[in-house]
């Protein structure tokens, strides 16, 4: 549940002199960025949505960071790190001479204080720390040592996530969640990112100015103005009226198609990290037999769903590990195909079904949590499944809170879900659905000792070759046991006015503002 698709997670932090009144102007160029997303808590100990994390990525920063547009980690606030032979102690060496945007020196004690604060507050994203970290030490001003509860092969990916970002101990309260920048000491956030927040109006506008104390290369655009829109239609109109320079999340599919066809705007399209998939309750009843799960998986037509429901704007997905991520393979495509009625019929007859005794089940969806297109996706999937004369499907729906209750009680035997990653690693797309513990929390209830052993092996090994071998085996096994059926991977779309360059959003879904620039 805590790892569930929350459909928001990118960043917030605040550094100011004037949070109160409107858009002050400074010398130099400004870029106006429009979105329908919302900011949540101004606190990495509790914020757990993509847009708030996006802002943190630009006004704060981690010991490690992702090279823009890639899933490749590189040094951030730490120059280097080492891991012991057991894989349960990570030692980071920090950059020297780094300062927060208000001039406060940054050191190892700030890292230790921030991590212990996240653990103490126990907010929504705290499990990313508390599930793995036993303790953190600062033996000197430039060294941070994480002692883990056990070996964690993907710990560097966790360190690059927002709950690990160092906060300024001089302005954050030690034990309470900060909802708004006015609750910070001095009413201003002081961060370590390329930008600092100089004006904040919740749900209206946030202004970011270049951080003069940033340790890295200065941004090419000195000011970013983020404007928040109530709906996609109004936001599109603002782009067409040249009131904004850039639009990102979330336009309607029809708007995306129109803007892509309009030469007046530049389109940036990249595969995102969000995926959609079909789940089975595997422990009892209709889909306790993996043969029936394979049969239904073979009947899914990914491209048809994408074309009919999403106007062709997403990408077919043949693994729970998305494209663009390390260790991804397309095993489902080769093993089960798309709209493969012949294979499905063969499998269903093998499982004892026939025209007079069809596989009958309820296919569940939630009508609003994933948007208005969900009912259409369910209808198209039903039609695909019933192309086999050996299948009969009844559509059922429930709003999100009830939906979650129903998968916990095993009432839903086949149901759609979606996923945004908590950390950028194949483990977060696999163990959560097919590990004994993770799958129970998702309503799948898949349990297999061999699979659990494979998950433990990849989770505890720091050796990329070992992890690659494990994930190749897991993805092959997935097509045989089919606890879930990957359907599509969402694309990300950014539209800009002519001359805006440097959009480098990649599979991590991190939007780095400091790569943006205006073409002269």
Protein backbone atom coordinates (compact mmCIF):
# COMPACT_ATOMS: atom_id res chain seq x y z
CA UNK A 1 0.00 0.00 0.00
CA UNK A 2 2.72 2.48 0.93
CA UNK A 3 4.41 1.76 -2.39
CA UNK A 4 1.19 2.18 -4.34
CA UNK A 5 0.61 4.28 -7.40
CA UNK A 6 0.09 7.72 -5.95
CA UNK A 7 0.25 9.56 -9.24
CA UNK A 8 2.38 12.35 -7.88
CA UNK A 9 5.96 12.63 -6.65
CA UNK A 10 8.51 15.27 -7.68
CA UNK A 11 9.69 18.05 -5.28
CA UNK A 12 9.36 21.10 -3.08
CA UNK A 13 11.58 23.28 -0.97
CA UNK A 14 11.68 26.87 -0.16
CA UNK A 15 14.32 29.56 0.13
CA UNK A 16 13.14 33.06 0.25
CA UNK A 17 13.27 36.59 1.13
CA UNK A 18 9.64 37.26 0.20
CA UNK A 19 7.14 34.41 0.14
CA UNK A 20 4.15 36.60 0.40
CA UNK A 21 3.43 38.77 -2.55
CA UNK A 22 3.55 37.85 -6.18
CA UNK A 23 6.00 37.59 -9.01
CA UNK A 24 8.87 39.94 -8.46
CA UNK A 25 11.10 40.47 -11.45
CA UNK A 26 14.87 40.21 -11.57
CA UNK A 27 17.32 40.95 -14.32
CA UNK A 28 17.91 38.21 -16.85
CA UNK A 29 15.64 35.77 -18.60
CA UNK A 30 12.71 33.98 -17.01
CA UNK A 31 10.95 30.81 -18.12
CA UNK A 32 7.29 30.30 -17.24
CA UNK A 33 6.40 26.64 -16.67
CA UNK A 34 2.72 25.60 -16.53
CA UNK A 35 1.30 22.49 -14.85
CA UNK A 36 -1.91 21.14 -13.33
CA UNK A 37 0.07 19.33 -10.63
CA UNK A 38 -0.01 20.44 -6.99
CA UNK A 39 2.52 20.87 -4.22
CA UNK A 40 1.96 18.96 -0.98
CA UNK A 41 4.10 19.29 2.16
CA UNK A 42 7.22 21.41 2.11
CA UNK A 43 9.02 18.61 3.90
CA UNK A 44 10.98 15.61 2.52
CA UNK A 45 10.06 13.71 5.68
CA UNK A 46 6.42 13.59 4.55
CA UNK A 47 6.08 14.71 0.91
CA UNK A 48 5.31 11.71 -1.28
CA UNK A 49 4.23 12.95 -4.70
CA UNK A 50 6.08 13.45 -7.97
CA UNK A 51 5.65 17.19 -8.37
CA UNK A 52 6.79 18.03 -4.85
CA UNK A 53 9.75 15.72 -5.30
CA UNK A 54 10.46 17.46 -8.63
CA UNK A 55 10.85 20.78 -6.88
CA UNK A 56 13.10 19.22 -4.22
CA UNK A 57 15.31 17.87 -7.01
CA UNK A 58 15.89 21.46 -8.12
CA UNK A 59 16.17 23.30 -4.82
CA UNK A 60 17.76 20.58 -2.68
CA UNK A 61 19.77 17.52 -3.71
CA UNK A 62 21.12 14.16 -2.66
CA UNK A 63 24.49 12.60 -2.00
CA UNK A 64 24.05 10.94 -5.39
CA UNK A 65 21.98 12.15 -8.33
CA UNK A 66 20.88 10.96 -11.74
CA UNK A 67 22.63 12.18 -14.84
CA UNK A 68 19.88 14.24 -16.52
CA UNK A 69 17.71 12.21 -18.85
CA UNK A 70 19.17 8.85 -17.78
CA UNK A 71 19.03 6.24 -15.01
CA UNK A 72 22.80 6.60 -14.49
CA UNK A 73 23.83 7.69 -11.01
CA UNK A 74 26.61 10.21 -10.58
CA UNK A 75 28.18 12.13 -7.68
CA UNK A 76 26.02 14.79 -6.07
CA UNK A 77 26.76 16.18 -2.62
CA UNK A 78 29.07 13.21 -2.17
CA UNK A 79 32.20 12.96 -4.29
CA UNK A 80 32.45 9.19 -3.86
CA UNK A 81 31.32 6.21 -1.81
CA UNK A 82 32.51 2.75 -0.84
CA UNK A 83 30.66 -0.35 0.35
CA UNK A 84 32.01 -3.08 2.61
CA UNK A 85 32.30 -6.71 1.49
CA UNK A 86 29.08 -7.66 3.29
CA UNK A 87 27.15 -4.96 1.42
CA UNK A 88 25.62 -3.53 4.60
CA UNK A 89 27.82 -0.48 5.27
CA UNK A 90 28.05 2.40 2.81
CA UNK A 91 30.54 5.21 3.41
CA UNK A 92 30.17 8.51 1.56
CA UNK A 93 32.80 11.21 1.21
CA UNK A 94 31.20 14.65 0.90
CA UNK A 95 32.20 17.60 -1.24
CA UNK A 96 34.01 20.23 0.80
CA UNK A 97 33.12 23.91 0.91
CA UNK A 98 29.44 23.40 -0.02
CA UNK A 99 26.92 25.85 1.45
CA UNK A 100 23.16 26.04 1.70
CA UNK A 101 21.57 28.85 -0.30
CA UNK A 102 21.52 31.08 2.80
CA UNK A 103 25.27 30.60 3.33
CA UNK A 104 25.03 27.98 6.11
CA UNK A 105 27.89 25.47 5.75
CA UNK A 106 26.91 21.95 4.69
CA UNK A 107 28.55 18.99 6.44
CA UNK A 108 28.09 15.37 7.44
CA UNK A 109 26.22 16.32 10.60
CA UNK A 110 23.46 17.90 8.45
CA UNK A 111 23.08 14.57 6.62
CA UNK A 112 22.93 12.57 9.85
CA UNK A 113 20.43 15.03 11.40
CA UNK A 114 18.18 14.92 8.32
CA UNK A 115 18.12 11.11 8.06
CA UNK A 116 17.39 10.70 11.76
CA UNK A 117 14.63 13.32 11.45
CA UNK A 118 12.94 11.33 8.65
CA UNK A 119 13.13 8.18 10.77
CA UNK A 120 11.79 9.99 13.84
CA UNK A 121 8.86 11.70 12.09
CA UNK A 122 7.85 8.43 10.33
CA UNK A 123 5.98 10.17 7.50
CA UNK A 124 4.63 8.53 4.35
CA UNK A 125 7.98 8.07 2.53
CA UNK A 126 9.97 7.19 5.67
CA UNK A 127 9.95 3.47 4.82
CA UNK A 128 12.49 4.25 2.09
CA UNK A 129 14.86 4.94 4.98
CA UNK A 130 13.57 2.89 7.91
CA UNK A 131 13.17 -0.38 5.99
CA UNK A 132 16.86 -0.35 5.15
CA UNK A 133 18.90 1.93 7.46
CA UNK A 134 19.77 0.83 10.99
CA UNK A 135 21.84 3.90 11.84
CA UNK A 136 23.78 6.77 10.30
CA UNK A 137 27.03 8.21 11.61
CA UNK A 138 29.15 11.28 10.90
CA UNK A 139 32.70 10.38 12.06
CA UNK A 140 34.02 13.67 10.68
CA UNK A 141 32.70 16.73 8.87
CA UNK A 142 33.08 15.17 5.42
CA UNK A 143 32.18 11.52 6.03
CA UNK A 144 28.76 9.86 6.36
CA UNK A 145 28.40 6.17 7.20
CA UNK A 146 25.12 4.31 6.68
CA UNK A 147 24.86 1.05 8.64
CA UNK A 148 22.08 -1.00 7.09
CA UNK A 149 19.81 -3.67 8.53
CA UNK A 150 21.21 -6.04 5.93
CA UNK A 151 22.95 -5.90 2.56
CA UNK A 152 21.08 -3.76 0.00
CA UNK A 153 22.33 -3.90 -3.59
CA UNK A 154 20.24 -0.94 -4.73
CA UNK A 155 21.05 1.36 -1.80
CA UNK A 156 22.65 3.99 -4.08
CA UNK A 157 19.25 4.39 -5.79
CA UNK A 158 17.62 4.94 -2.40
CA UNK A 159 20.20 7.57 -1.47
CA UNK A 160 19.24 9.48 -4.63
CA UNK A 161 15.60 9.70 -3.47
CA UNK A 162 14.13 12.74 -1.71
CA UNK A 163 13.82 11.34 1.85
CA UNK A 164 17.64 11.14 1.90
CA UNK A 165 18.11 14.80 0.89
CA UNK A 166 19.93 16.83 3.57
CA UNK A 167 17.89 19.66 5.08
CA UNK A 168 19.24 22.70 6.89
CA UNK A 169 19.11 21.92 10.65
CA UNK A 170 19.09 25.66 11.35
CA UNK A 171 15.61 26.17 9.86
CA UNK A 172 13.73 22.83 10.02
CA UNK A 173 12.01 21.74 13.25
CA UNK A 174 13.45 18.44 14.52
CA UNK A 175 10.20 16.59 15.23
CA UNK A 176 7.29 18.11 13.29
CA UNK A 177 6.23 18.14 9.64
CA UNK A 178 6.50 21.42 7.75
CA UNK A 179 3.37 22.07 5.69
CA UNK A 180 4.26 25.56 4.47
CA UNK A 181 7.45 27.66 4.22
CA UNK A 182 6.09 30.11 6.80
CA UNK A 183 6.60 27.33 9.37
CA UNK A 184 10.35 27.30 8.74
CA UNK A 185 12.61 29.38 10.94
CA UNK A 186 12.79 32.78 9.30
CA UNK A 187 9.96 31.82 6.93
CA UNK A 188 12.40 30.76 4.19
CA UNK A 189 13.85 27.51 2.88
CA UNK A 190 17.60 27.23 2.40
CA UNK A 191 18.60 24.39 0.10
CA UNK A 192 21.53 22.91 -1.77
CA UNK A 193 20.11 22.80 -5.30
CA UNK A 194 20.71 24.80 -8.46
CA UNK A 195 17.73 27.02 -7.60
CA UNK A 196 16.24 28.60 -4.50
CA UNK A 197 12.60 29.48 -3.92
CA UNK A 198 12.06 33.22 -3.67
CA UNK A 199 8.26 33.37 -3.82
CA UNK A 200 5.62 30.82 -2.90
CA UNK A 201 1.86 30.99 -3.44
CA UNK A 202 0.32 27.58 -2.97
CA UNK A 203 -1.68 26.37 -6.01
CA UNK A 204 -0.92 29.66 -7.80
CA UNK A 205 2.74 30.32 -8.42
CA UNK A 206 6.24 29.44 -7.23
CA UNK A 207 9.29 31.44 -8.30
CA UNK A 208 12.75 29.89 -8.33
CA UNK A 209 15.92 31.93 -8.75
CA UNK A 210 19.42 30.61 -9.37
CA UNK A 211 21.18 29.67 -6.12
CA UNK A 212 24.36 31.78 -5.87
CA UNK A 213 25.92 29.17 -3.54
CA UNK A 214 25.27 26.14 -5.76
CA UNK A 215 28.31 23.86 -5.95
CA UNK A 216 27.69 22.92 -9.60
CA UNK A 217 27.37 24.81 -12.87
CA UNK A 218 25.05 27.81 -12.66
CA UNK A 219 21.68 27.44 -14.46
CA UNK A 220 21.46 28.99 -17.90
CA UNK A 221 18.03 30.42 -17.11
CA UNK A 222 18.26 32.49 -13.92
CA UNK A 223 14.55 32.38 -13.04
CA UNK A 224 11.88 29.68 -13.33
CA UNK A 225 8.27 30.67 -12.68
CA UNK A 226 5.93 27.72 -12.07
CA UNK A 227 2.25 28.53 -12.58
CA UNK A 228 -0.48 26.15 -11.44
CA UNK A 229 -3.63 25.66 -13.51
CA UNK A 230 -6.92 24.17 -12.37
CA UNK A 231 -7.49 22.23 -15.59
CA UNK A 232 -5.77 21.12 -18.79
CA UNK A 233 -7.98 23.22 -21.08
CA UNK A 234 -7.03 26.50 -19.41
CA UNK A 235 -3.39 25.50 -19.38
CA UNK A 236 -3.40 24.73 -23.11
CA UNK A 237 -5.01 28.11 -23.79
CA UNK A 238 -2.22 29.82 -21.83
CA UNK A 239 0.34 28.13 -24.08
CA UNK A 240 -1.51 29.15 -27.22
CA UNK A 241 -1.76 32.73 -25.93
CA UNK A 242 2.00 32.72 -25.28
CA UNK A 243 1.44 33.35 -21.57
CA UNK A 244 3.68 30.41 -20.69
CA UNK A 245 6.87 28.99 -22.20
CA UNK A 246 6.52 25.34 -21.24
CA UNK A 247 3.69 22.93 -20.37
CA UNK A 248 4.21 19.66 -18.51
CA UNK A 249 1.59 17.41 -16.87
CA UNK A 250 -1.16 16.85 -17.44
CA UNK A 251 -2.78 17.56 -20.78
CA UNK A 252 -5.71 15.61 -22.20
CA UNK A 253 -4.82 13.01 -24.88
CA UNK A 254 -6.69 15.08 -27.50
CA UNK A 255 -4.68 18.19 -26.54
CA UNK A 256 -1.44 16.24 -26.84
CA UNK A 257 -2.36 15.01 -30.32
CA UNK A 258 -3.29 18.53 -31.45
CA UNK A 259 -0.15 20.15 -30.08
CA UNK A 260 2.10 17.46 -31.53
CA UNK A 261 0.68 18.23 -34.97
CA UNK A 262 1.21 21.99 -34.55
CA UNK A 263 4.56 23.24 -35.82
CA UNK A 264 4.22 26.35 -33.64
CA UNK A 265 5.37 24.31 -30.64
CA UNK A 266 8.25 21.99 -29.85
CA UNK A 267 7.30 18.53 -28.61
CA UNK A 268 9.49 16.54 -26.24
CA UNK A 269 8.35 12.92 -25.89
CA UNK A 270 10.14 10.48 -23.62
CA UNK A 271 9.20 7.12 -22.07
CA UNK A 272 8.15 7.64 -18.47
CA UNK A 273 8.54 5.39 -15.47
CA UNK A 274 4.80 4.91 -14.92
CA UNK A 275 3.31 1.58 -16.02
CA UNK A 276 -0.17 -0.01 -16.22
CA UNK A 277 -0.85 -3.68 -15.73
CA UNK A 278 -3.46 -6.35 -14.95
CA UNK A 279 -3.31 -8.16 -11.60
CA UNK A 280 -4.57 -11.59 -10.61
CA UNK A 281 -5.45 -12.83 -7.14
CA UNK A 282 -3.33 -15.98 -7.37
CA UNK A 283 -3.87 -17.76 -4.06
CA UNK A 284 -7.37 -19.18 -4.51
CA UNK A 285 -10.25 -19.49 -6.93
CA UNK A 286 -10.34 -18.69 -10.64
CA UNK A 287 -6.74 -17.61 -11.16
CA UNK A 288 -4.95 -19.89 -8.71
CA UNK A 289 -3.98 -21.88 -11.82
CA UNK A 290 -1.12 -20.20 -13.69
CA UNK A 291 -2.38 -21.71 -16.98
CA UNK A 292 -5.55 -19.57 -16.85
CA UNK A 293 -3.43 -16.52 -16.06
CA UNK A 294 -1.25 -17.22 -19.08
CA UNK A 295 -4.33 -17.58 -21.27
CA UNK A 296 -5.80 -14.22 -20.26
CA UNK A 297 -2.39 -12.58 -20.68
CA UNK A 298 -2.17 -13.92 -24.24
CA UNK A 299 -5.52 -12.29 -25.10
CA UNK A 300 -4.39 -8.77 -24.14
CA UNK A 301 -3.75 -6.54 -27.17
CA UNK A 302 -1.49 -3.77 -26.00
CA UNK A 303 -1.32 -1.61 -29.11
CA UNK A 304 -5.08 -1.80 -29.62
CA UNK A 305 -5.67 -0.53 -26.07
CA UNK A 306 -3.16 2.26 -26.60
CA UNK A 307 -4.67 3.28 -29.94
CA UNK A 308 -8.34 3.09 -28.99
CA UNK A 309 -8.15 4.46 -25.47
CA UNK A 310 -5.06 6.69 -25.38
CA UNK A 311 -4.90 7.84 -29.01
CA UNK A 312 -1.61 6.03 -29.56
CA UNK A 313 0.26 8.10 -26.98
CA UNK A 314 1.70 5.31 -24.81
CA UNK A 315 4.13 2.45 -25.44
CA UNK A 316 3.37 -1.30 -25.33
CA UNK A 317 5.10 -2.96 -22.38
CA UNK A 318 6.22 -6.59 -22.31
CA UNK A 319 7.84 -6.67 -18.87
CA UNK A 320 7.07 -5.22 -15.46
CA UNK A 321 10.50 -3.57 -15.72
CA UNK A 322 9.93 -0.53 -17.95
CA UNK A 323 11.85 0.33 -21.08
CA UNK A 324 14.85 2.53 -20.47
CA UNK A 325 15.63 0.87 -17.13
CA UNK A 326 18.54 -1.49 -16.54
CA UNK A 327 17.86 -5.21 -17.07
CA UNK A 328 14.63 -4.70 -19.08
CA UNK A 329 13.69 -7.54 -21.46
CA UNK A 330 10.63 -8.16 -23.68
CA UNK A 331 9.87 -11.74 -22.61
CA UNK A 332 6.07 -11.39 -22.71
CA UNK A 333 6.19 -10.45 -26.38
CA UNK A 334 7.95 -13.64 -27.40
CA UNK A 335 6.29 -16.00 -24.92
CA UNK A 336 2.62 -14.95 -25.10
CA UNK A 337 2.32 -12.27 -27.78
CA UNK A 338 -0.67 -9.95 -28.29
CA UNK A 339 -4.26 -10.92 -29.09
CA UNK A 340 -3.07 -14.51 -29.35
CA UNK A 341 -6.44 -16.26 -29.38
CA UNK A 342 -5.03 -19.52 -30.68
CA UNK A 343 -2.56 -19.83 -27.79
CA UNK A 344 -5.20 -18.74 -25.26
CA UNK A 345 -7.67 -21.38 -26.47
CA UNK A 346 -5.00 -24.06 -26.29
CA UNK A 347 -4.14 -23.11 -22.71
CA UNK A 348 -7.78 -22.86 -21.63
CA UNK A 349 -8.62 -26.29 -23.01
CA UNK A 350 -5.57 -27.61 -21.19
CA UNK A 351 -7.02 -26.11 -17.99
CA UNK A 352 -10.39 -27.84 -18.60
CA UNK A 353 -12.45 -25.04 -20.16
CA UNK A 354 -14.62 -25.27 -23.28
CA UNK A 355 -17.33 -23.39 -25.19
CA UNK A 356 -19.93 -24.95 -22.93
CA UNK A 357 -17.82 -24.39 -19.82
CA UNK A 358 -16.06 -21.05 -20.40
CA UNK A 359 -13.68 -19.28 -18.06
CA UNK A 360 -16.02 -16.76 -16.43
CA UNK A 361 -14.69 -13.97 -14.21
CA UNK A 362 -15.18 -10.37 -13.13
CA UNK A 363 -12.71 -7.78 -14.45
CA UNK A 364 -12.43 -4.86 -12.04
CA UNK A 365 -11.41 -1.26 -12.62
CA UNK A 366 -11.63 1.95 -10.63
CA UNK A 367 -13.45 4.71 -12.56
CA UNK A 368 -11.67 7.89 -11.48
CA UNK A 369 -8.34 7.16 -9.78
CA UNK A 370 -6.53 6.74 -13.11
CA UNK A 371 -8.69 9.18 -15.05
CA UNK A 372 -11.74 9.11 -17.29
CA UNK A 373 -10.10 6.70 -19.74
CA UNK A 374 -10.23 3.79 -17.30
CA UNK A 375 -13.71 2.60 -18.21
CA UNK A 376 -12.72 2.62 -21.88
CA UNK A 377 -9.64 0.53 -21.18
CA UNK A 378 -11.76 -2.01 -19.29
CA UNK A 379 -14.26 -2.21 -22.14
CA UNK A 380 -11.58 -2.74 -24.77
CA UNK A 381 -9.83 -5.37 -22.65
CA UNK A 382 -13.13 -7.21 -22.10
CA UNK A 383 -13.75 -7.29 -25.86
CA UNK A 384 -10.24 -8.63 -26.45
CA UNK A 385 -10.62 -11.39 -23.88
CA UNK A 386 -13.98 -12.46 -25.28
CA UNK A 387 -12.50 -12.97 -28.73
CA UNK A 388 -11.90 -16.41 -27.30
CA UNK A 389 -15.18 -18.33 -27.23
CA UNK A 390 -13.88 -19.95 -24.06
CA UNK A 391 -13.97 -16.71 -22.02
CA UNK A 392 -16.82 -14.70 -20.50
CA UNK A 393 -16.05 -11.42 -18.73
CA UNK A 394 -18.22 -9.21 -16.50
CA UNK A 395 -17.00 -5.67 -15.82
CA UNK A 396 -17.11 -4.39 -12.24
CA UNK A 397 -15.94 -1.08 -10.78
CA UNK A 398 -15.38 0.56 -7.42
CA UNK A 399 -13.99 3.91 -6.30
CA UNK A 400 -10.44 3.86 -5.00
CA UNK A 401 -10.98 3.42 -1.24
CA UNK A 402 -13.38 0.53 -1.83
CA UNK A 403 -11.12 -0.87 -4.54
CA UNK A 404 -8.26 -1.16 -2.06
CA UNK A 405 -10.51 -2.87 0.48
CA UNK A 406 -11.67 -5.38 -2.12
CA UNK A 407 -8.19 -6.46 -3.12
CA UNK A 408 -7.28 -6.87 0.54
CA UNK A 409 -10.27 -9.22 1.00
CA UNK A 410 -9.47 -11.15 -2.20
CA UNK A 411 -12.82 -10.26 -3.73
CA UNK A 412 -11.27 -9.04 -6.98
CA UNK A 413 -9.75 -11.89 -8.98
CA UNK A 414 -8.63 -9.75 -11.95
CA UNK A 415 -8.11 -6.00 -11.69
CA UNK A 416 -6.19 -3.10 -13.22
CA UNK A 417 -3.55 -1.11 -11.36
CA UNK A 418 -0.87 1.45 -12.16
CA UNK A 419 2.56 2.13 -10.72
CA UNK A 420 4.97 5.00 -10.26
CA UNK A 421 8.36 4.04 -8.78
CA UNK A 422 9.44 4.79 -5.23
CA UNK A 423 13.07 4.31 -6.22
CA UNK A 424 14.57 3.84 -9.67
CA UNK A 425 15.48 0.17 -9.74
CA UNK A 426 13.92 -3.00 -11.25
CA UNK A 427 13.42 -4.32 -7.72
CA UNK A 428 10.68 -1.73 -7.16
CA UNK A 429 8.79 -3.04 -10.21
CA UNK A 430 9.05 -6.73 -9.34
CA UNK A 431 9.35 -7.61 -5.66
CA UNK A 432 6.36 -5.40 -4.87
CA UNK A 433 4.15 -7.64 -7.03
CA UNK A 434 5.65 -11.13 -6.81
CA UNK A 435 7.49 -11.25 -3.50
CA UNK A 436 5.44 -12.95 -0.79
CA UNK A 437 5.22 -9.83 1.37
CA UNK A 438 4.86 -7.23 -1.38
CA UNK A 439 2.27 -9.11 -3.43
CA UNK A 440 -0.01 -9.57 -0.41
CA UNK A 441 -0.14 -5.81 0.00
CA UNK A 442 -1.16 -5.47 -3.65
CA UNK A 443 -3.99 -8.01 -3.57
CA UNK A 444 -2.04 -10.51 -5.69
CA UNK A 445 -1.05 -12.95 -2.91
CA UNK A 446 1.62 -14.65 -4.99
CA UNK A 447 4.05 -16.69 -2.92
CA UNK A 448 6.89 -18.84 -4.22
CA UNK A 449 9.99 -19.73 -2.23
CA UNK A 450 12.21 -19.81 -5.32
CA UNK A 451 11.06 -16.34 -6.34
CA UNK A 452 11.62 -15.00 -2.82
CA UNK A 453 15.15 -16.41 -2.91
CA UNK A 454 15.79 -14.65 -6.23
CA UNK A 455 14.49 -11.36 -4.85
CA UNK A 456 16.73 -11.69 -1.81
CA UNK A 457 19.70 -12.41 -4.07
CA UNK A 458 19.23 -9.30 -6.23
CA UNK A 459 18.37 -7.12 -3.24
CA UNK A 460 21.48 -8.04 -1.30
CA UNK A 461 24.09 -8.20 -4.07
CA UNK A 462 26.03 -5.04 -5.01
CA UNK A 463 27.33 -6.82 -8.14
CA UNK A 464 25.50 -5.56 -11.28
CA UNK A 465 26.25 -8.79 -13.16
CA UNK A 466 24.60 -10.89 -10.45
CA UNK A 467 21.56 -8.63 -10.39
CA UNK A 468 21.28 -8.66 -14.20
CA UNK A 469 21.25 -12.46 -14.25
CA UNK A 470 18.56 -12.58 -11.56
CA UNK A 471 16.29 -10.10 -13.32
CA UNK A 472 16.65 -11.93 -16.62
CA UNK A 473 15.49 -15.11 -14.89
CA UNK A 474 12.65 -13.33 -13.08
CA UNK A 475 11.31 -11.79 -16.27
CA UNK A 476 11.36 -15.19 -17.98
CA UNK A 477 9.58 -16.79 -15.02
CA UNK A 478 6.99 -14.01 -15.10
CA UNK A 479 5.61 -15.25 -18.42
CA UNK A 480 5.05 -18.72 -16.92
CA UNK A 481 3.51 -17.78 -13.57
CA UNK A 482 1.97 -14.42 -14.62
CA UNK A 483 1.11 -12.79 -11.27
CA UNK A 484 0.58 -9.63 -13.33
CA UNK A 485 0.34 -8.74 -17.03
CA UNK A 486 2.29 -5.63 -18.16
CA UNK A 487 0.18 -3.61 -20.62
CA UNK A 488 1.71 -0.23 -21.36
CA UNK A 489 4.25 2.33 -20.29
CA UNK A 490 3.19 5.95 -20.21
CA UNK A 491 5.01 8.50 -22.30
CA UNK A 492 5.86 11.93 -20.96
CA UNK A 493 5.08 14.98 -23.08
CA UNK A 494 6.47 18.46 -22.71
CA UNK A 495 5.43 21.27 -25.07
CA UNK A 496 7.37 24.49 -25.37
CA UNK A 497 7.39 27.71 -27.29
CA UNK A 498 10.04 27.93 -30.04
CA UNK A 499 13.53 28.48 -28.70
CA UNK A 500 13.15 26.60 -25.42
CA UNK A 501 15.79 23.87 -25.31
CA UNK A 502 17.36 21.47 -22.85
CA UNK A 503 14.35 19.39 -21.76
CA UNK A 504 16.02 16.22 -20.43
CA UNK A 505 13.31 14.28 -18.58
CA UNK A 506 14.12 10.58 -18.78
CA UNK A 507 12.97 7.26 -17.31
CA UNK A 508 13.52 8.59 -13.79
CA UNK A 509 10.84 11.24 -14.50
CA UNK A 510 13.12 13.83 -12.88
CA UNK A 511 12.77 17.24 -14.53
CA UNK A 512 16.02 19.16 -14.07
CA UNK A 513 15.33 22.85 -14.57
CA UNK A 514 19.02 23.74 -14.72
CA UNK A 515 19.42 22.03 -18.12
CA UNK A 516 16.88 24.38 -19.72
CA UNK A 517 18.02 27.24 -21.90
CA UNK A 518 16.78 29.65 -24.54
CA UNK A 519 18.23 29.30 -28.02
CA UNK A 520 19.71 32.60 -29.06
